[in-house]
Protein backbone atom coordinates (compact mmCIF):
# COMPACT_ATOMS: atom_id res chain seq x y z
CA UNK A 1 0.00 0.00 0.00
CA UNK A 2 1.14 3.52 -0.78
CA UNK A 3 1.40 6.38 1.66
CA UNK A 4 0.30 9.93 0.87
CA UNK A 5 1.30 12.96 2.90
CA UNK A 6 -0.64 16.19 2.43
CA UNK A 7 1.05 19.37 3.58
CA UNK A 8 -0.55 22.80 4.04
CA UNK A 9 -4.10 21.52 4.43
CA UNK A 10 -6.40 24.19 5.81
CA UNK A 11 -7.25 23.67 9.50
CA UNK A 12 -10.96 24.07 8.75
CA UNK A 13 -10.80 21.25 6.21
CA UNK A 14 -9.17 18.98 8.77
CA UNK A 15 -11.76 19.99 11.35
CA UNK A 16 -14.62 19.15 8.99
CA UNK A 17 -13.04 15.81 8.10
CA UNK A 18 -12.64 14.97 11.79
CA UNK A 19 -16.31 15.80 12.44
CA UNK A 20 -17.39 13.70 9.49
CA UNK A 21 -15.23 10.80 10.69
CA UNK A 22 -16.66 11.07 14.20
CA UNK A 23 -20.24 10.97 12.88
CA UNK A 24 -19.41 7.74 11.10
CA UNK A 25 -17.42 6.36 14.01
CA UNK A 26 -14.27 6.27 11.85
CA UNK A 27 -10.78 7.50 12.42
CA UNK A 28 -9.67 10.52 10.42
CA UNK A 29 -7.34 8.28 8.41
CA UNK A 30 -10.11 5.80 7.66
CA UNK A 31 -12.51 8.55 6.60
CA UNK A 32 -9.99 10.20 4.27
CA UNK A 33 -9.10 6.80 2.80
CA UNK A 34 -12.79 6.12 2.17
CA UNK A 35 -13.26 9.49 0.45
CA UNK A 36 -10.19 8.98 -1.76
CA UNK A 37 -11.21 5.43 -2.71
CA UNK A 38 -14.73 6.56 -3.61
CA UNK A 39 -13.44 9.47 -5.67
CA UNK A 40 -10.92 7.24 -7.45
CA UNK A 41 -13.76 4.86 -8.35
CA UNK A 42 -15.85 7.78 -9.61
CA UNK A 43 -12.93 8.79 -11.86
CA UNK A 44 -12.77 5.25 -13.25
CA UNK A 45 -16.54 5.23 -13.80
CA UNK A 46 -16.44 8.59 -15.60
CA UNK A 47 -13.58 7.43 -17.80
CA UNK A 48 -15.49 4.26 -18.70
CA UNK A 49 -18.57 6.37 -19.59
CA UNK A 50 -16.40 8.70 -21.66
CA UNK A 51 -14.92 5.78 -23.59
CA UNK A 52 -18.39 4.29 -24.19
CA UNK A 53 -19.58 7.67 -25.45
CA UNK A 54 -16.66 7.90 -27.85
CA UNK A 55 -17.45 4.43 -29.17
CA UNK A 56 -21.11 5.37 -29.67
CA UNK A 57 -20.13 8.51 -31.58
CA UNK A 58 -17.75 6.51 -33.78
CA UNK A 59 -20.46 3.94 -34.46
CA UNK A 60 -22.95 6.68 -35.34
CA UNK A 61 -20.40 8.34 -37.63
CA UNK A 62 -19.78 5.01 -39.37
CA UNK A 63 -23.50 4.48 -39.88
CA UNK A 64 -23.87 7.95 -41.39
CA UNK A 65 -20.70 7.77 -43.49
CA UNK A 66 -22.38 5.99 -46.42
CA UNK A 67 -25.46 8.21 -46.47
CA UNK A 68 -25.54 11.06 -48.96
CA UNK A 69 -25.75 14.50 -47.49
CA UNK A 70 -28.70 16.32 -48.97
CA UNK A 71 -28.77 20.00 -49.71
CA UNK A 72 -30.71 22.28 -47.42
CA UNK A 73 -30.93 25.00 -50.04
CA UNK A 74 -34.51 24.08 -50.89
CA UNK A 75 -35.48 24.79 -47.29
CA UNK A 76 -33.64 28.09 -47.27
CA UNK A 77 -34.94 29.28 -50.65
CA UNK A 78 -38.57 28.42 -49.94
CA UNK A 79 -40.47 31.39 -48.48
CA UNK A 80 -42.27 30.61 -45.27
CA UNK A 81 -45.98 31.35 -44.96
CA UNK A 82 -46.69 34.30 -42.75
C-alpha atoms as a PDB file:
ATOM      1  CA  UNK A   1       0.000   0.000   0.000  1.00  0.00           C
ATOM      2  CA  UNK A   2       1.139   3.517  -0.782  1.00  0.00           C
ATOM      3  CA  UNK A   3       1.399   6.381   1.662  1.00  0.00           C
ATOM      4  CA  UNK A   4       0.304   9.929   0.871  1.00  0.00           C
ATOM      5  CA  UNK A   5       1.297  12.959   2.896  1.00  0.00           C
ATOM      6  CA  UNK A   6      -0.645  16.188   2.425  1.00  0.00           C
ATOM      7  CA  UNK A   7       1.047  19.373   3.584  1.00  0.00           C
ATOM      8  CA  UNK A   8      -0.547  22.799   4.040  1.00  0.00           C
ATOM      9  CA  UNK A   9      -4.103  21.524   4.433  1.00  0.00           C
ATOM     10  CA  UNK A  10      -6.400  24.187   5.811  1.00  0.00           C
ATOM     11  CA  UNK A  11      -7.253  23.672   9.502  1.00  0.00           C
ATOM     12  CA  UNK A  12     -10.961  24.068   8.748  1.00  0.00           C
ATOM     13  CA  UNK A  13     -10.804  21.248   6.210  1.00  0.00           C
ATOM     14  CA  UNK A  14      -9.165  18.979   8.771  1.00  0.00           C
ATOM     15  CA  UNK A  15     -11.758  19.990  11.349  1.00  0.00           C
ATOM     16  CA  UNK A  16     -14.618  19.153   8.986  1.00  0.00           C
ATOM     17  CA  UNK A  17     -13.042  15.812   8.100  1.00  0.00           C
ATOM     18  CA  UNK A  18     -12.639  14.971  11.790  1.00  0.00           C
ATOM     19  CA  UNK A  19     -16.310  15.804  12.444  1.00  0.00           C
ATOM     20  CA  UNK A  20     -17.386  13.698   9.493  1.00  0.00           C
ATOM     21  CA  UNK A  21     -15.226  10.800  10.689  1.00  0.00           C
ATOM     22  CA  UNK A  22     -16.657  11.065  14.205  1.00  0.00           C
ATOM     23  CA  UNK A  23     -20.239  10.974  12.884  1.00  0.00           C
ATOM     24  CA  UNK A  24     -19.412   7.740  11.098  1.00  0.00           C
ATOM     25  CA  UNK A  25     -17.424   6.359  14.015  1.00  0.00           C
ATOM     26  CA  UNK A  26     -14.275   6.273  11.847  1.00  0.00           C
ATOM     27  CA  UNK A  27     -10.777   7.497  12.424  1.00  0.00           C
ATOM     28  CA  UNK A  28      -9.667  10.516  10.415  1.00  0.00           C
ATOM     29  CA  UNK A  29      -7.342   8.281   8.406  1.00  0.00           C
ATOM     30  CA  UNK A  30     -10.114   5.801   7.657  1.00  0.00           C
ATOM     31  CA  UNK A  31     -12.506   8.555   6.601  1.00  0.00           C
ATOM     32  CA  UNK A  32      -9.988  10.201   4.274  1.00  0.00           C
ATOM     33  CA  UNK A  33      -9.096   6.800   2.804  1.00  0.00           C
ATOM     34  CA  UNK A  34     -12.788   6.118   2.174  1.00  0.00           C
ATOM     35  CA  UNK A  35     -13.255   9.488   0.448  1.00  0.00           C
ATOM     36  CA  UNK A  36     -10.192   8.976  -1.756  1.00  0.00           C
ATOM     37  CA  UNK A  37     -11.215   5.428  -2.711  1.00  0.00           C
ATOM     38  CA  UNK A  38     -14.734   6.560  -3.608  1.00  0.00           C
ATOM     39  CA  UNK A  39     -13.440   9.474  -5.669  1.00  0.00           C
ATOM     40  CA  UNK A  40     -10.920   7.242  -7.451  1.00  0.00           C
ATOM     41  CA  UNK A  41     -13.755   4.858  -8.347  1.00  0.00           C
ATOM     42  CA  UNK A  42     -15.845   7.780  -9.610  1.00  0.00           C
ATOM     43  CA  UNK A  43     -12.933   8.786 -11.859  1.00  0.00           C
ATOM     44  CA  UNK A  44     -12.772   5.246 -13.246  1.00  0.00           C
ATOM     45  CA  UNK A  45     -16.544   5.226 -13.799  1.00  0.00           C
ATOM     46  CA  UNK A  46     -16.442   8.588 -15.598  1.00  0.00           C
ATOM     47  CA  UNK A  47     -13.581   7.426 -17.804  1.00  0.00           C
ATOM     48  CA  UNK A  48     -15.493   4.263 -18.702  1.00  0.00           C
ATOM     49  CA  UNK A  49     -18.569   6.367 -19.586  1.00  0.00           C
ATOM     50  CA  UNK A  50     -16.397   8.702 -21.659  1.00  0.00           C
ATOM     51  CA  UNK A  51     -14.917   5.778 -23.593  1.00  0.00           C
ATOM     52  CA  UNK A  52     -18.391   4.286 -24.191  1.00  0.00           C
ATOM     53  CA  UNK A  53     -19.581   7.673 -25.453  1.00  0.00           C
ATOM     54  CA  UNK A  54     -16.657   7.900 -27.852  1.00  0.00           C
ATOM     55  CA  UNK A  55     -17.452   4.433 -29.170  1.00  0.00           C
ATOM     56  CA  UNK A  56     -21.108   5.369 -29.670  1.00  0.00           C
ATOM     57  CA  UNK A  57     -20.134   8.508 -31.580  1.00  0.00           C
ATOM     58  CA  UNK A  58     -17.746   6.509 -33.782  1.00  0.00           C
ATOM     59  CA  UNK A  59     -20.464   3.940 -34.458  1.00  0.00           C
ATOM     60  CA  UNK A  60     -22.946   6.682 -35.336  1.00  0.00           C
ATOM     61  CA  UNK A  61     -20.404   8.338 -37.631  1.00  0.00           C
ATOM     62  CA  UNK A  62     -19.777   5.007 -39.375  1.00  0.00           C
ATOM     63  CA  UNK A  63     -23.498   4.481 -39.878  1.00  0.00           C
ATOM     64  CA  UNK A  64     -23.874   7.947 -41.392  1.00  0.00           C
ATOM     65  CA  UNK A  65     -20.705   7.767 -43.490  1.00  0.00           C
ATOM     66  CA  UNK A  66     -22.382   5.994 -46.417  1.00  0.00           C
ATOM     67  CA  UNK A  67     -25.457   8.209 -46.469  1.00  0.00           C
ATOM     68  CA  UNK A  68     -25.542  11.057 -48.961  1.00  0.00           C
ATOM     69  CA  UNK A  69     -25.749  14.497 -47.486  1.00  0.00           C
ATOM     70  CA  UNK A  70     -28.698  16.316 -48.970  1.00  0.00           C
ATOM     71  CA  UNK A  71     -28.774  20.000 -49.707  1.00  0.00           C
ATOM     72  CA  UNK A  72     -30.714  22.277 -47.417  1.00  0.00           C
ATOM     73  CA  UNK A  73     -30.934  25.005 -50.038  1.00  0.00           C
ATOM     74  CA  UNK A  74     -34.509  24.081 -50.890  1.00  0.00           C
ATOM     75  CA  UNK A  75     -35.478  24.786 -47.292  1.00  0.00           C
ATOM     76  CA  UNK A  76     -33.642  28.089 -47.268  1.00  0.00           C
ATOM     77  CA  UNK A  77     -34.940  29.283 -50.646  1.00  0.00           C
ATOM     78  CA  UNK A  78     -38.568  28.422 -49.945  1.00  0.00           C
ATOM     79  CA  UNK A  79     -40.474  31.387 -48.480  1.00  0.00           C
ATOM     80  CA  UNK A  80     -42.271  30.607 -45.269  1.00  0.00           C
ATOM     81  CA  UNK A  81     -45.975  31.349 -44.956  1.00  0.00           C
ATOM     82  CA  UNK A  82     -46.694  34.302 -42.748  1.00  0.00           C
END
